[in-house]
């Protein structure tokens, strides 16, 4: 049985489901390898327009598999951290929008996976945390970095130093998630978000994501230069002509990704 399931719908939304419910969808080498393969395939497949990530059962993902963590030495721990960081970064820089539909627990590596997605929607029953300090370790899949970027340094330090959990309402208030919804509406709302985004010009979507992602860590001068480059690229596209023409003609644009 696959530890990660996937399905592509007729809108081009590829749903990826972590499927180790008996282990609360914990991350091990098998799961990370499966995610790496799916992300690479999604990037290369023109039929895949967006990714939707969720978990089976009562957890989105409860973090790294403790039995795997117990095996880590200094060397293998470094390798395990780098493995997860590389997989999550490949999602973050996919060039296609992704959305984490957080159905339950998102702890440790699970919270880190959710933060690597472009956007996040959570069930009212979801909860979040970076409890690694309780196990004598620290977040290793980008938690110390992405959490601070999303909620601010002070709140990131609070969660990472205390190991405490927050509910979905707090996560929404802090800016960790973009929307909170009832459990039965979670996947519907996630697909509505992605379907709405996919009505926009693909080249413009990629330009926005790359400008914000790479520009966030650059100097303002370099970030503005990057923005100008992407602006120039889309100005030369057929989609820009279609978008402007459709606006002037008071009709919906039909973007082609060219």
Protein backbone atom coordinates (compact mmCIF):
# COMPACT_ATOMS: atom_id res chain seq x y z
CA UNK A 1 0.00 0.00 0.00
CA UNK A 2 1.33 3.41 -0.98
CA UNK A 3 2.25 5.78 1.85
CA UNK A 4 1.40 8.73 -0.40
CA UNK A 5 -1.62 8.68 -2.71
CA UNK A 6 -2.19 11.06 -5.60
CA UNK A 7 -4.90 11.89 -8.12
CA UNK A 8 -5.19 14.41 -10.96
CA UNK A 9 -8.60 15.95 -11.64
CA UNK A 10 -9.90 17.54 -14.85
CA UNK A 11 -8.92 21.02 -13.65
CA UNK A 12 -5.26 20.05 -13.44
CA UNK A 13 -5.26 19.93 -9.63
CA UNK A 14 -3.13 17.07 -8.34
CA UNK A 15 -4.27 15.96 -4.89
CA UNK A 16 -1.50 14.41 -2.79
CA UNK A 17 -2.61 12.55 0.33
CA UNK A 18 -0.24 11.42 3.07
CA UNK A 19 -1.50 7.91 3.83
CA UNK A 20 -0.02 6.52 7.03
CA UNK A 21 -3.04 7.18 9.27
CA UNK A 22 -1.97 4.58 11.82
CA UNK A 23 1.25 6.61 12.27
CA UNK A 24 -0.52 9.98 12.02
CA UNK A 25 1.08 10.35 8.58
CA UNK A 26 4.54 10.68 10.11
CA UNK A 27 7.46 11.34 7.79
CA UNK A 28 10.08 8.68 7.12
CA UNK A 29 12.43 8.00 4.22
CA UNK A 30 9.72 6.26 2.22
CA UNK A 31 7.31 9.19 2.53
CA UNK A 32 9.99 11.77 1.73
CA UNK A 33 11.13 9.80 -1.32
CA UNK A 34 7.54 9.50 -2.55
CA UNK A 35 6.95 13.23 -2.10
CA UNK A 36 10.19 14.07 -3.89
CA UNK A 37 9.17 11.93 -6.85
CA UNK A 38 5.66 13.39 -7.01
CA UNK A 39 6.89 16.97 -6.80
CA UNK A 40 9.40 16.35 -9.62
CA UNK A 41 6.70 14.73 -11.76
CA UNK A 42 4.30 17.59 -11.08
CA UNK A 43 6.87 20.15 -12.13
CA UNK A 44 7.58 18.33 -15.39
CA UNK A 45 3.98 17.46 -16.29
CA UNK A 46 2.19 20.25 -18.16
CA UNK A 47 -1.17 18.69 -17.28
CA UNK A 48 -0.52 19.39 -13.59
CA UNK A 49 -1.47 23.00 -12.88
CA UNK A 50 -1.54 23.01 -9.06
CA UNK A 51 -0.99 20.77 -6.04
CA UNK A 52 -3.30 20.11 -3.09
CA UNK A 53 -1.73 18.40 -0.08
CA UNK A 54 -3.67 16.83 2.77
CA UNK A 55 -3.54 13.90 5.17
CA UNK A 56 -5.60 10.77 5.70
CA UNK A 57 -7.31 10.29 9.05
CA UNK A 58 -7.13 12.69 11.98
CA UNK A 59 -3.70 14.13 11.17
CA UNK A 60 -2.28 16.20 8.36
CA UNK A 61 1.17 15.07 9.44
CA UNK A 62 2.44 14.61 12.98
CA UNK A 63 6.08 15.18 12.02
CA UNK A 64 9.08 12.92 11.63
CA UNK A 65 8.63 9.26 12.46
CA UNK A 66 10.09 8.90 15.97
CA UNK A 67 11.62 5.52 15.15
CA UNK A 68 13.49 7.18 12.27
CA UNK A 69 14.52 10.10 14.46
CA UNK A 70 15.85 7.72 17.11
CA UNK A 71 18.38 6.37 14.59
CA UNK A 72 19.91 9.76 13.85
CA UNK A 73 23.54 10.42 14.72
CA UNK A 74 25.28 13.72 13.98
CA UNK A 75 26.05 12.59 10.43
CA UNK A 76 22.79 10.81 9.63
CA UNK A 77 20.82 13.55 11.36
CA UNK A 78 22.40 16.13 9.08
CA UNK A 79 21.58 13.97 6.07
CA UNK A 80 17.98 13.44 7.23
CA UNK A 81 17.52 17.19 7.73
CA UNK A 82 18.99 17.99 4.31
CA UNK A 83 16.78 15.34 2.70
CA UNK A 84 13.60 16.88 4.08
CA UNK A 85 14.75 20.43 3.39
CA UNK A 86 15.44 19.59 -0.24
CA UNK A 87 12.05 17.92 -0.71
CA UNK A 88 10.14 20.78 0.91
CA UNK A 89 12.12 23.40 -0.99
CA UNK A 90 11.26 21.63 -4.26
CA UNK A 91 7.58 22.11 -3.39
CA UNK A 92 8.14 25.75 -2.48
CA UNK A 93 9.92 26.50 -5.77
CA UNK A 94 7.77 24.29 -7.99
CA UNK A 95 6.63 27.21 -10.12
CA UNK A 96 3.03 26.06 -9.74
CA UNK A 97 0.67 27.02 -6.90
CA UNK A 98 0.28 24.57 -4.04
CA UNK A 99 -2.14 24.52 -1.14
CA UNK A 100 -1.96 22.56 2.10
CA UNK A 101 -5.42 21.51 3.30
CA UNK A 102 -4.66 20.87 6.96
CA UNK A 103 -7.22 18.43 8.28
CA UNK A 104 -5.78 17.79 11.75
CA UNK A 105 -2.46 17.69 13.57
CA UNK A 106 0.37 19.57 11.83
CA UNK A 107 3.28 19.12 14.19
CA UNK A 108 7.01 19.33 13.57
CA UNK A 109 7.73 18.23 10.02
CA UNK A 110 4.01 18.35 9.29
CA UNK A 111 3.86 22.04 10.10
CA UNK A 112 7.06 22.51 8.09
CA UNK A 113 5.51 20.75 5.09
CA UNK A 114 2.41 22.94 5.30
CA UNK A 115 4.56 26.07 5.46
CA UNK A 116 6.37 25.00 2.29
CA UNK A 117 3.12 25.15 0.32
CA UNK A 118 2.11 28.39 -1.37
CA UNK A 119 -1.06 28.73 0.71
CA UNK A 120 -2.69 27.01 3.68
CA UNK A 121 -6.31 26.32 4.62
CA UNK A 122 -7.10 24.52 7.86
CA UNK A 123 -10.00 22.73 9.46
CA UNK A 124 -11.25 24.22 12.72
CA UNK A 125 -10.02 20.96 14.27
CA UNK A 126 -6.43 21.48 13.07
CA UNK A 127 -3.59 22.30 15.43
CA UNK A 128 -0.03 23.40 14.83
CA UNK A 129 3.30 23.30 16.59
CA UNK A 130 7.05 22.77 16.50
CA UNK A 131 7.51 20.52 19.55
CA UNK A 132 10.99 19.27 18.67
CA UNK A 133 12.60 20.73 21.81
CA UNK A 134 10.54 18.26 23.84
CA UNK A 135 12.54 15.50 22.13
CA UNK A 136 15.88 17.21 22.58
CA UNK A 137 16.20 18.37 18.96
CA UNK A 138 15.22 21.40 16.88
CA UNK A 139 13.09 21.79 13.74
CA UNK A 140 15.12 20.41 10.87
CA UNK A 141 12.97 20.84 7.77
CA UNK A 142 12.88 24.63 7.65
CA UNK A 143 10.72 25.33 10.69
CA UNK A 144 13.08 27.84 12.29
CA UNK A 145 13.17 29.80 9.04
CA UNK A 146 9.72 29.63 7.43
CA UNK A 147 7.84 30.03 10.70
CA UNK A 148 9.66 33.28 11.48
CA UNK A 149 8.96 34.54 7.96
CA UNK A 150 5.24 33.79 8.26
CA UNK A 151 4.42 34.78 11.84
CA UNK A 152 7.38 36.90 12.91
CA UNK A 153 10.49 36.21 14.96
CA UNK A 154 8.86 36.57 18.37
CA UNK A 155 6.03 34.13 17.76
CA UNK A 156 8.34 31.69 15.99
CA UNK A 157 10.64 31.71 19.01
CA UNK A 158 7.63 31.20 21.28
CA UNK A 159 6.49 28.07 19.47
CA UNK A 160 9.95 26.61 18.92
CA UNK A 161 11.19 27.26 22.48
CA UNK A 162 8.08 26.13 24.35
CA UNK A 163 6.99 23.35 22.00
CA UNK A 164 3.38 24.36 22.62
CA UNK A 165 0.56 23.85 20.16
CA UNK A 166 -1.84 26.43 18.76
CA UNK A 167 -5.31 25.91 17.35
CA UNK A 168 -6.52 26.91 13.90
CA UNK A 169 -8.07 30.17 15.10
CA UNK A 170 -4.75 31.28 16.56
CA UNK A 171 -2.91 30.16 13.43
CA UNK A 172 -5.27 32.28 11.35
CA UNK A 173 -4.83 35.29 13.63
CA UNK A 174 -1.04 34.94 13.45
CA UNK A 175 -1.00 34.59 9.66
CA UNK A 176 0.21 30.99 9.63
CA UNK A 177 -2.84 29.94 7.61
CA UNK A 178 -4.94 31.82 5.06
CA UNK A 179 -8.38 30.50 5.96
CA UNK A 180 -10.15 28.33 8.54
CA UNK A 181 -13.16 26.23 7.64
CA UNK A 182 -15.38 23.43 8.89
CA UNK A 183 -13.91 19.93 8.39
CA UNK A 184 -16.51 18.84 5.85
CA UNK A 185 -15.80 21.93 3.73
CA UNK A 186 -12.00 21.74 3.81
CA UNK A 187 -11.28 20.00 0.51
CA UNK A 188 -14.07 21.85 -1.26
CA UNK A 189 -12.68 25.21 -0.17
CA UNK A 190 -9.15 24.13 -1.05
CA UNK A 191 -10.18 23.25 -4.58
CA UNK A 192 -12.19 26.47 -4.88
CA UNK A 193 -9.10 28.48 -3.93
CA UNK A 194 -6.92 26.66 -6.44
CA UNK A 195 -9.54 26.75 -9.19
CA UNK A 196 -9.82 30.51 -8.75
CA UNK A 197 -6.06 30.96 -8.91
CA UNK A 198 -5.88 28.79 -12.03
CA UNK A 199 -8.11 31.23 -13.92
CA UNK A 200 -5.17 33.65 -13.83
CA UNK A 201 -2.30 33.77 -16.32
CA UNK A 202 0.20 30.95 -15.58
CA UNK A 203 3.26 33.03 -16.42
CA UNK A 204 2.05 35.80 -14.13
CA UNK A 205 1.46 33.30 -11.32
CA UNK A 206 4.99 31.96 -11.69
CA UNK A 207 6.40 35.48 -11.79
CA UNK A 208 4.58 36.49 -8.62
CA UNK A 209 5.68 33.40 -6.70
CA UNK A 210 9.32 33.67 -7.78
CA UNK A 211 9.47 37.41 -7.12
CA UNK A 212 8.09 37.04 -3.60
CA UNK A 213 10.02 33.87 -2.74
CA UNK A 214 13.46 34.93 -3.93
CA UNK A 215 12.95 38.63 -3.36
CA UNK A 216 12.05 38.12 0.29
CA UNK A 217 15.64 37.24 1.15
CA UNK A 218 17.31 39.69 -1.22
CA UNK A 219 18.12 43.35 -0.77
CA UNK A 220 15.30 45.68 -1.80
CA UNK A 221 17.37 46.82 -4.78
CA UNK A 222 17.91 43.26 -6.02
CA UNK A 223 14.31 42.28 -5.29
CA UNK A 224 12.95 45.23 -7.27
CA UNK A 225 15.25 44.32 -10.15
CA UNK A 226 13.89 40.76 -10.09
CA UNK A 227 10.34 42.09 -10.09
CA UNK A 228 11.14 44.27 -13.12
CA UNK A 229 12.59 41.29 -14.98
CA UNK A 230 9.44 39.24 -14.39
CA UNK A 231 7.29 42.23 -15.35
CA UNK A 232 9.20 42.48 -18.62
CA UNK A 233 8.73 38.76 -19.30
CA UNK A 234 4.97 38.87 -18.90
CA UNK A 235 4.73 42.06 -20.95
CA UNK A 236 6.13 40.04 -23.86
CA UNK A 237 3.59 37.23 -23.41
CA UNK A 238 0.45 36.41 -25.37
CA UNK A 239 -1.38 36.21 -22.05
CA UNK A 240 -0.67 39.87 -21.32
CA UNK A 241 -2.18 40.83 -24.69
CA UNK A 242 -5.17 38.59 -24.00
CA UNK A 243 -5.63 39.94 -20.48
CA UNK A 244 -5.57 43.59 -21.51
CA UNK A 245 -7.74 42.98 -24.57
CA UNK A 246 -10.30 41.02 -22.54
CA UNK A 247 -10.45 43.80 -19.95
CA UNK A 248 -11.08 46.44 -22.63
CA UNK A 249 -13.68 44.23 -24.29
CA UNK A 250 -15.35 43.55 -20.92
CA UNK A 251 -15.06 39.76 -21.15
CA UNK A 252 -13.27 37.04 -19.23
CA UNK A 253 -9.72 36.36 -20.47
CA UNK A 254 -8.74 32.98 -21.91
CA UNK A 255 -5.13 32.50 -20.88
CA UNK A 256 -2.92 29.97 -22.65
CA UNK A 257 0.27 30.10 -20.59
CA UNK A 258 2.19 31.66 -23.47
